[in-house]
């Protein structure tokens, strides 16, 4: 009998809001930019009595290189993002000598979701300005309340 091979699929898409400001650093070897942040994603469901409940899932995200720099420059606590990436785990030694393991999303693409009012003279905080348009897609949409929602999709490629 032929053996069946499990497909190697590791893909995550999640949307949420940053729980605090992103933490930017550069690696000791080579100075590669890396940013870490955590997002909160709400989930609504009906309990056994058919009453709507809400639960929050907190997920860590890591981004590298130009994607990390854009996150550093454009994200802050409560920023809304859509993250496309893959799950990865990493283990390290804590200061007390114990081993710690975390599972987080390694971002491939991040879509910054920004909201601002029409005719606003405010700085377009969170909107990415980048010379490389090959890996970017921009859209603007008006809603019935006069808000403009701007989306910019940024790839790590």
N, C-alpha and C. Protein backbone atom coordinates (compact mmCIF):
# COMPACT_ATOMS: atom_id res chain seq x y z
N UNK A 1 0.84 -1.18 0.00
CA UNK A 1 0.00 0.00 0.00
C UNK A 1 0.88 1.24 0.00
N UNK A 2 0.55 2.19 -0.85
CA UNK A 2 1.32 3.43 -0.94
C UNK A 2 1.08 4.29 0.29
N UNK A 3 2.15 4.93 0.75
CA UNK A 3 2.01 5.82 1.90
C UNK A 3 1.46 7.17 1.46
N UNK A 4 0.55 7.70 2.26
CA UNK A 4 0.02 9.03 2.00
C UNK A 4 0.89 10.04 2.73
N UNK A 5 1.23 11.09 2.02
CA UNK A 5 2.03 12.14 2.64
C UNK A 5 1.13 13.32 2.97
N UNK A 6 1.21 13.77 4.19
CA UNK A 6 0.44 14.92 4.64
C UNK A 6 0.96 16.17 3.96
N UNK A 7 0.08 17.00 3.39
CA UNK A 7 0.56 18.24 2.77
C UNK A 7 1.18 19.16 3.82
N UNK A 8 2.21 19.88 3.42
CA UNK A 8 2.89 20.80 4.33
C UNK A 8 2.30 22.19 4.14
N UNK A 9 1.25 22.46 4.90
CA UNK A 9 0.57 23.75 4.82
C UNK A 9 0.70 24.44 6.17
N UNK A 10 1.17 25.65 6.15
CA UNK A 10 1.29 26.45 7.37
C UNK A 10 0.94 27.88 6.98
N UNK A 11 -0.32 28.24 7.11
CA UNK A 11 -0.78 29.55 6.68
C UNK A 11 -1.80 30.08 7.66
N UNK A 12 -1.64 31.37 8.02
CA UNK A 12 -2.53 32.03 8.98
C UNK A 12 -2.90 33.39 8.43
N UNK A 13 -4.18 33.73 8.54
CA UNK A 13 -4.64 35.09 8.25
C UNK A 13 -5.48 35.50 9.45
N UNK A 14 -5.13 36.63 10.06
CA UNK A 14 -5.83 37.09 11.25
C UNK A 14 -5.87 38.61 11.26
N UNK A 15 -6.94 39.16 11.79
CA UNK A 15 -7.07 40.61 11.91
C UNK A 15 -7.29 40.95 13.38
N UNK A 16 -6.72 42.07 13.80
CA UNK A 16 -6.89 42.51 15.17
C UNK A 16 -6.24 43.86 15.40
N UNK A 17 -6.19 44.24 16.66
CA UNK A 17 -5.60 45.52 17.06
C UNK A 17 -4.39 45.27 17.95
N UNK A 18 -3.35 46.10 17.76
CA UNK A 18 -2.15 45.97 18.59
C UNK A 18 -2.48 46.24 20.05
N UNK A 19 -1.95 45.41 20.94
CA UNK A 19 -2.21 45.56 22.37
C UNK A 19 -1.28 46.58 23.01
N UNK A 20 -0.13 46.84 22.37
CA UNK A 20 0.81 47.86 22.82
C UNK A 20 1.70 48.24 21.65
N UNK A 21 2.54 49.24 21.84
CA UNK A 21 3.42 49.67 20.76
C UNK A 21 4.35 48.53 20.34
N UNK A 22 4.69 48.45 19.04
CA UNK A 22 5.60 47.41 18.58
C UNK A 22 7.00 47.61 19.16
N UNK A 23 7.72 46.50 19.33
CA UNK A 23 9.09 46.54 19.85
C UNK A 23 10.03 46.26 18.67
N UNK A 24 10.83 47.26 18.32
CA UNK A 24 11.75 47.16 17.19
C UNK A 24 13.16 46.96 17.70
N UNK A 25 13.91 46.11 17.02
CA UNK A 25 15.33 45.91 17.33
C UNK A 25 16.04 45.44 16.07
N UNK A 26 17.35 45.30 16.17
CA UNK A 26 18.13 44.75 15.08
C UNK A 26 18.94 43.59 15.63
N UNK A 27 19.12 42.56 14.81
CA UNK A 27 19.86 41.39 15.27
C UNK A 27 21.31 41.75 15.52
N UNK A 28 21.94 41.02 16.46
CA UNK A 28 23.35 41.24 16.77
C UNK A 28 24.24 40.89 15.58
N UNK A 29 23.86 39.86 14.85
CA UNK A 29 24.67 39.44 13.70
C UNK A 29 24.05 39.99 12.43
N UNK A 30 24.62 41.06 11.92
CA UNK A 30 24.17 41.61 10.64
C UNK A 30 23.22 42.79 10.75
N UNK A 31 22.68 43.06 11.90
CA UNK A 31 21.80 44.21 12.07
C UNK A 31 20.49 44.11 11.31
N UNK A 32 19.96 42.91 11.13
CA UNK A 32 18.70 42.73 10.42
C UNK A 32 17.54 43.28 11.25
N UNK A 33 16.71 44.15 10.66
CA UNK A 33 15.58 44.72 11.40
C UNK A 33 14.53 43.65 11.72
N UNK A 34 14.01 43.69 12.94
CA UNK A 34 12.94 42.78 13.37
C UNK A 34 12.03 43.54 14.33
N UNK A 35 10.74 43.28 14.22
CA UNK A 35 9.77 43.92 15.11
C UNK A 35 8.85 42.83 15.66
N UNK A 36 8.49 42.99 16.93
CA UNK A 36 7.53 42.09 17.57
C UNK A 36 6.37 42.92 18.09
N UNK A 37 5.16 42.39 17.93
CA UNK A 37 3.99 43.01 18.53
C UNK A 37 2.94 41.93 18.76
N UNK A 38 1.95 42.29 19.52
CA UNK A 38 0.87 41.37 19.83
C UNK A 38 -0.44 42.01 19.41
N UNK A 39 -1.34 41.19 18.87
CA UNK A 39 -2.66 41.70 18.51
C UNK A 39 -3.73 40.96 19.30
N UNK A 40 -4.84 41.65 19.49
CA UNK A 40 -6.02 41.06 20.13
C UNK A 40 -7.08 40.88 19.04
N UNK A 41 -7.61 39.67 18.97
CA UNK A 41 -8.63 39.35 17.98
C UNK A 41 -9.87 38.87 18.73
N UNK A 42 -10.99 39.54 18.51
CA UNK A 42 -12.24 39.18 19.19
C UNK A 42 -12.97 38.07 18.45
N UNK A 43 -13.64 37.22 19.21
CA UNK A 43 -14.43 36.13 18.65
C UNK A 43 -15.79 36.14 19.34
N UNK A 44 -16.85 36.18 18.54
CA UNK A 44 -18.21 36.14 19.10
C UNK A 44 -18.78 34.75 18.88
N UNK A 45 -19.48 34.26 19.89
CA UNK A 45 -20.08 32.93 19.79
C UNK A 45 -21.29 32.86 20.71
N UNK A 46 -22.15 31.86 20.47
CA UNK A 46 -23.29 31.63 21.34
C UNK A 46 -22.94 30.53 22.33
N UNK A 47 -23.26 30.77 23.59
CA UNK A 47 -22.99 29.76 24.60
C UNK A 47 -24.10 28.70 24.59
N UNK A 48 -24.06 27.78 25.53
CA UNK A 48 -25.03 26.68 25.57
C UNK A 48 -26.46 27.17 25.78
N UNK A 49 -26.63 28.40 26.30
CA UNK A 49 -27.97 28.97 26.50
C UNK A 49 -28.34 29.90 25.34
N UNK A 50 -27.56 29.87 24.27
CA UNK A 50 -27.77 30.67 23.06
C UNK A 50 -27.65 32.18 23.30
N UNK A 51 -26.86 32.54 24.30
CA UNK A 51 -26.58 33.95 24.58
C UNK A 51 -25.23 34.30 23.94
N UNK A 52 -25.19 35.45 23.27
CA UNK A 52 -23.96 35.86 22.62
C UNK A 52 -22.89 36.18 23.67
N UNK A 53 -21.70 35.62 23.47
CA UNK A 53 -20.54 35.87 24.32
C UNK A 53 -19.40 36.36 23.43
N UNK A 54 -18.43 36.99 24.06
CA UNK A 54 -17.26 37.45 23.32
C UNK A 54 -16.01 36.98 24.04
N UNK A 55 -15.05 36.52 23.26
CA UNK A 55 -13.79 36.04 23.79
C UNK A 55 -12.67 36.75 23.03
N UNK A 56 -11.55 36.97 23.68
CA UNK A 56 -10.42 37.64 23.04
C UNK A 56 -9.25 36.66 22.96
N UNK A 57 -8.64 36.61 21.79
CA UNK A 57 -7.46 35.79 21.56
C UNK A 57 -6.28 36.74 21.33
N UNK A 58 -5.21 36.55 22.08
CA UNK A 58 -4.01 37.38 21.93
C UNK A 58 -2.97 36.57 21.17
N UNK A 59 -2.41 37.18 20.11
CA UNK A 59 -1.48 36.48 19.23
C UNK A 59 -0.24 37.34 19.02
N UNK A 60 0.92 36.73 19.16
CA UNK A 60 2.18 37.42 18.90
C UNK A 60 2.51 37.38 17.42
N UNK A 61 3.14 38.45 16.93
CA UNK A 61 3.53 38.57 15.52
C UNK A 61 4.97 39.03 15.46
N UNK A 62 5.73 38.49 14.54
CA UNK A 62 7.10 38.94 14.28
C UNK A 62 7.21 39.27 12.79
N UNK A 63 7.88 40.37 12.47
CA UNK A 63 8.11 40.77 11.08
C UNK A 63 9.58 41.14 10.93
N UNK A 64 10.12 40.92 9.74
CA UNK A 64 11.54 41.11 9.49
C UNK A 64 11.77 42.10 8.35
N UNK A 65 12.98 42.64 8.30
CA UNK A 65 13.49 43.47 7.21
C UNK A 65 12.64 44.71 6.96
N UNK A 66 12.30 45.01 5.69
CA UNK A 66 11.55 46.23 5.37
C UNK A 66 10.15 46.21 5.98
N UNK A 67 9.58 45.04 6.10
CA UNK A 67 8.27 44.93 6.73
C UNK A 67 8.36 45.35 8.20
N UNK A 68 9.44 44.97 8.87
CA UNK A 68 9.67 45.38 10.27
C UNK A 68 9.82 46.89 10.38
N UNK A 69 10.56 47.48 9.46
CA UNK A 69 10.77 48.94 9.49
C UNK A 69 9.45 49.69 9.26
N UNK A 70 8.63 49.20 8.35
CA UNK A 70 7.33 49.84 8.11
C UNK A 70 6.42 49.72 9.33
N UNK A 71 6.48 48.58 10.00
CA UNK A 71 5.68 48.41 11.22
C UNK A 71 6.16 49.38 12.30
N UNK A 72 7.46 49.49 12.46
CA UNK A 72 8.03 50.44 13.44
C UNK A 72 7.57 51.86 13.17
N UNK A 73 7.56 52.24 11.91
CA UNK A 73 7.25 53.61 11.54
C UNK A 73 5.76 53.93 11.55
N UNK A 74 4.92 52.93 11.39
CA UNK A 74 3.50 53.19 11.13
C UNK A 74 2.52 52.60 12.13
N UNK A 75 2.96 51.73 13.00
CA UNK A 75 2.03 51.11 13.93
C UNK A 75 2.25 51.62 15.34
N UNK A 76 1.19 51.59 16.12
CA UNK A 76 1.25 51.94 17.53
C UNK A 76 0.14 51.16 18.23
N UNK A 77 0.09 51.29 19.52
CA UNK A 77 -0.96 50.62 20.30
C UNK A 77 -2.33 50.95 19.70
N UNK A 78 -3.17 49.96 19.57
CA UNK A 78 -4.54 50.00 19.06
C UNK A 78 -4.64 50.08 17.54
N UNK A 79 -3.52 50.13 16.80
CA UNK A 79 -3.59 50.11 15.34
C UNK A 79 -4.24 48.81 14.88
N UNK A 80 -5.09 48.91 13.85
CA UNK A 80 -5.75 47.74 13.28
C UNK A 80 -4.91 47.19 12.14
N UNK A 81 -4.71 45.88 12.15
CA UNK A 81 -3.92 45.22 11.11
C UNK A 81 -4.57 43.91 10.69
N UNK A 82 -4.26 43.50 9.47
CA UNK A 82 -4.56 42.17 8.99
C UNK A 82 -3.22 41.54 8.67
N UNK A 83 -2.94 40.39 9.29
CA UNK A 83 -1.64 39.73 9.15
C UNK A 83 -1.82 38.43 8.39
N UNK A 84 -0.98 38.24 7.38
CA UNK A 84 -0.91 37.00 6.60
C UNK A 84 0.48 36.43 6.85
N UNK A 85 0.54 35.22 7.36
CA UNK A 85 1.85 34.65 7.65
C UNK A 85 1.78 33.18 7.95
N UNK A 86 2.76 32.71 8.71
CA UNK A 86 2.83 31.30 9.08
C UNK A 86 3.17 31.18 10.55
N UNK A 87 2.72 30.10 11.16
CA UNK A 87 3.04 29.85 12.56
C UNK A 87 4.48 29.37 12.68
N UNK A 88 5.16 29.85 13.69
CA UNK A 88 6.50 29.35 14.00
C UNK A 88 6.65 29.30 15.50
N UNK A 89 7.46 28.38 15.97
CA UNK A 89 7.75 28.32 17.40
C UNK A 89 9.24 28.59 17.60
N UNK A 90 9.55 29.15 18.74
CA UNK A 90 10.95 29.37 19.09
C UNK A 90 11.11 29.14 20.58
N UNK A 91 12.30 28.69 20.96
CA UNK A 91 12.61 28.38 22.34
C UNK A 91 13.86 29.15 22.75
N UNK A 92 13.88 29.66 23.99
CA UNK A 92 15.03 30.37 24.50
C UNK A 92 15.16 30.10 25.99
N UNK A 93 16.32 30.43 26.53
CA UNK A 93 16.58 30.31 27.97
C UNK A 93 16.23 31.61 28.66
N UNK A 94 15.38 31.54 29.66
CA UNK A 94 15.01 32.72 30.43
C UNK A 94 16.13 33.05 31.41
N UNK A 95 16.04 34.22 32.04
CA UNK A 95 17.07 34.64 32.98
C UNK A 95 17.19 33.69 34.17
N UNK A 96 16.07 33.04 34.53
CA UNK A 96 16.12 32.10 35.65
C UNK A 96 16.61 30.71 35.25
N UNK A 97 17.04 30.55 33.98
CA UNK A 97 17.61 29.30 33.51
C UNK A 97 16.60 28.32 32.92
N UNK A 98 15.32 28.61 33.00
CA UNK A 98 14.31 27.72 32.44
C UNK A 98 14.15 27.97 30.95
N UNK A 99 13.73 26.93 30.26
CA UNK A 99 13.46 27.07 28.82
C UNK A 99 12.05 27.59 28.62
N UNK A 100 11.90 28.52 27.71
CA UNK A 100 10.60 29.09 27.35
C UNK A 100 10.35 28.85 25.88
N UNK A 101 9.11 28.59 25.53
CA UNK A 101 8.72 28.39 24.14
C UNK A 101 7.51 29.26 23.84
N UNK A 102 7.50 29.85 22.65
CA UNK A 102 6.38 30.66 22.22
C UNK A 102 6.03 30.26 20.78
N UNK A 103 4.73 30.27 20.49
CA UNK A 103 4.25 30.10 19.12
C UNK A 103 3.72 31.45 18.68
N UNK A 104 4.20 31.93 17.53
CA UNK A 104 3.81 33.25 17.04
C UNK A 104 3.66 33.20 15.53
N UNK A 105 3.14 34.28 14.98
CA UNK A 105 2.98 34.37 13.53
C UNK A 105 4.18 35.09 12.95
N UNK A 106 4.85 34.46 12.00
CA UNK A 106 5.90 35.13 11.23
C UNK A 106 5.20 35.75 10.03
N UNK A 107 5.14 37.07 9.99
CA UNK A 107 4.37 37.79 8.98
C UNK A 107 5.03 37.72 7.62
N UNK A 108 4.22 37.42 6.60
CA UNK A 108 4.65 37.53 5.21
C UNK A 108 4.15 38.85 4.64
N UNK A 109 2.92 39.20 4.98
CA UNK A 109 2.30 40.44 4.52
C UNK A 109 1.47 41.01 5.68
N UNK A 110 1.45 42.32 5.76
CA UNK A 110 0.62 42.99 6.77
C UNK A 110 -0.15 44.10 6.08
N UNK A 111 -1.44 44.10 6.31
CA UNK A 111 -2.28 45.17 5.78
C UNK A 111 -2.61 46.10 6.94
N UNK A 112 -2.19 47.37 6.81
CA UNK A 112 -2.47 48.36 7.82
C UNK A 112 -3.86 48.92 7.53
N UNK A 113 -4.73 48.89 8.51
CA UNK A 113 -6.11 49.36 8.34
C UNK A 113 -6.23 50.68 9.08
N UNK A 114 -6.35 51.76 8.33
CA UNK A 114 -6.37 53.10 8.92
C UNK A 114 -7.72 53.74 8.69
N UNK A 115 -8.13 54.56 9.63
CA UNK A 115 -9.38 55.27 9.53
C UNK A 115 -9.11 56.74 9.81
N UNK A 116 -9.60 57.61 8.94
CA UNK A 116 -9.47 59.04 9.18
C UNK A 116 -10.70 59.72 8.59
N UNK A 117 -10.97 60.93 9.01
CA UNK A 117 -12.13 61.68 8.53
C UNK A 117 -11.79 62.42 7.24
N UNK A 118 -12.80 62.63 6.41
CA UNK A 118 -12.61 63.42 5.19
C UNK A 118 -12.15 64.82 5.55
N UNK A 119 -11.36 65.39 4.67
CA UNK A 119 -10.86 66.77 4.82
C UNK A 119 -10.06 66.97 6.10
N UNK A 120 -9.48 65.91 6.60
CA UNK A 120 -8.67 66.03 7.81
C UNK A 120 -7.29 66.53 7.44
N UNK A 121 -6.83 67.55 8.16
CA UNK A 121 -5.49 68.06 7.92
C UNK A 121 -4.46 67.33 8.76
N UNK A 122 -4.94 66.38 9.59
CA UNK A 122 -4.02 65.63 10.43
C UNK A 122 -3.08 64.79 9.59
N UNK A 123 -1.96 64.48 10.14
CA UNK A 123 -1.01 63.59 9.51
C UNK A 123 -1.68 62.23 9.32
N UNK A 124 -1.45 61.60 8.20
CA UNK A 124 -2.07 60.31 7.93
C UNK A 124 -1.31 59.24 8.70
N UNK A 125 -1.46 59.27 10.00
CA UNK A 125 -0.73 58.37 10.87
C UNK A 125 -1.03 56.93 10.51
N UNK A 126 0.01 56.12 10.37
CA UNK A 126 -0.16 54.72 10.06
C UNK A 126 -0.22 54.41 8.58
N UNK A 127 -0.25 55.42 7.74
CA UNK A 127 -0.30 55.18 6.30
C UNK A 127 1.12 55.05 5.79
N UNK A 128 1.39 54.01 5.05
CA UNK A 128 2.75 53.72 4.62
C UNK A 128 3.11 54.50 3.37
N UNK A 129 4.24 55.13 3.40
CA UNK A 129 4.80 55.75 2.22
C UNK A 129 6.05 54.97 1.86
N UNK A 130 6.06 54.39 0.67
CA UNK A 130 7.18 53.57 0.27
C UNK A 130 7.39 53.73 -1.22
N UNK A 131 8.65 53.78 -1.65
CA UNK A 131 8.95 53.96 -3.07
C UNK A 131 8.72 52.70 -3.88
N UNK A 132 8.75 51.54 -3.24
CA UNK A 132 8.61 50.27 -3.95
C UNK A 132 7.13 49.92 -4.07
N UNK A 133 6.56 50.05 -5.26
CA UNK A 133 5.15 49.79 -5.46
C UNK A 133 4.88 48.37 -5.93
N UNK A 134 5.92 47.59 -6.22
CA UNK A 134 5.71 46.23 -6.71
C UNK A 134 5.00 45.36 -5.70
N UNK A 135 5.28 45.53 -4.42
CA UNK A 135 4.72 44.67 -3.38
C UNK A 135 3.64 45.35 -2.58
N UNK A 136 3.06 46.44 -3.11
CA UNK A 136 2.08 47.21 -2.37
C UNK A 136 0.81 47.36 -3.18
N UNK A 137 -0.30 47.42 -2.50
CA UNK A 137 -1.59 47.67 -3.12
C UNK A 137 -2.35 48.62 -2.21
N UNK A 138 -2.88 49.70 -2.77
CA UNK A 138 -3.58 50.69 -1.97
C UNK A 138 -5.03 50.80 -2.41
N UNK A 139 -5.92 51.03 -1.45
CA UNK A 139 -7.33 51.26 -1.74
C UNK A 139 -7.87 52.29 -0.77
N UNK A 140 -8.89 53.03 -1.19
CA UNK A 140 -9.62 53.93 -0.30
C UNK A 140 -11.10 53.69 -0.52
N UNK A 141 -11.87 53.69 0.56
CA UNK A 141 -13.31 53.48 0.49
C UNK A 141 -13.99 54.45 1.45
N UNK A 142 -15.09 55.08 0.99
CA UNK A 142 -15.91 55.93 1.85
C UNK A 142 -17.03 55.09 2.44
N UNK A 143 -17.43 55.38 3.66
CA UNK A 143 -18.63 54.75 4.22
C UNK A 143 -19.72 55.79 4.38
N UNK A 144 -20.88 55.36 4.85
CA UNK A 144 -22.03 56.26 4.94
C UNK A 144 -21.87 57.33 6.03
N UNK A 145 -20.87 57.22 6.89
CA UNK A 145 -20.66 58.19 7.96
C UNK A 145 -19.58 59.22 7.61
N UNK A 146 -19.09 59.20 6.38
CA UNK A 146 -18.10 60.20 5.97
C UNK A 146 -16.68 59.85 6.37
N UNK A 147 -16.41 58.59 6.75
CA UNK A 147 -15.06 58.17 7.08
C UNK A 147 -14.41 57.62 5.81
N UNK A 148 -13.12 57.83 5.70
CA UNK A 148 -12.37 57.21 4.62
C UNK A 148 -11.53 56.11 5.25
N UNK A 149 -11.68 54.90 4.74
CA UNK A 149 -10.87 53.79 5.20
C UNK A 149 -9.79 53.56 4.16
N UNK A 150 -8.53 53.63 4.59
CA UNK A 150 -7.43 53.43 3.66
C UNK A 150 -6.74 52.12 4.01
N UNK A 151 -6.43 51.38 2.99
CA UNK A 151 -5.79 50.09 3.16
C UNK A 151 -4.51 50.09 2.34
N UNK A 152 -3.47 49.59 2.92
CA UNK A 152 -2.23 49.41 2.15
C UNK A 152 -1.68 48.05 2.50
N UNK A 153 -1.48 47.23 1.51
CA UNK A 153 -1.03 45.87 1.70
C UNK A 153 0.46 45.83 1.43
N UNK A 154 1.24 45.39 2.37
CA UNK A 154 2.68 45.43 2.29
C UNK A 154 3.23 44.03 2.41
N UNK A 155 4.08 43.65 1.50
CA UNK A 155 4.64 42.31 1.49
C UNK A 155 6.06 42.34 2.02
N UNK A 156 6.49 41.22 2.59
CA UNK A 156 7.87 41.13 3.10
C UNK A 156 8.86 40.81 2.00
N UNK A 157 8.36 40.54 0.79
CA UNK A 157 9.25 40.19 -0.33
C UNK A 157 10.11 41.35 -0.77
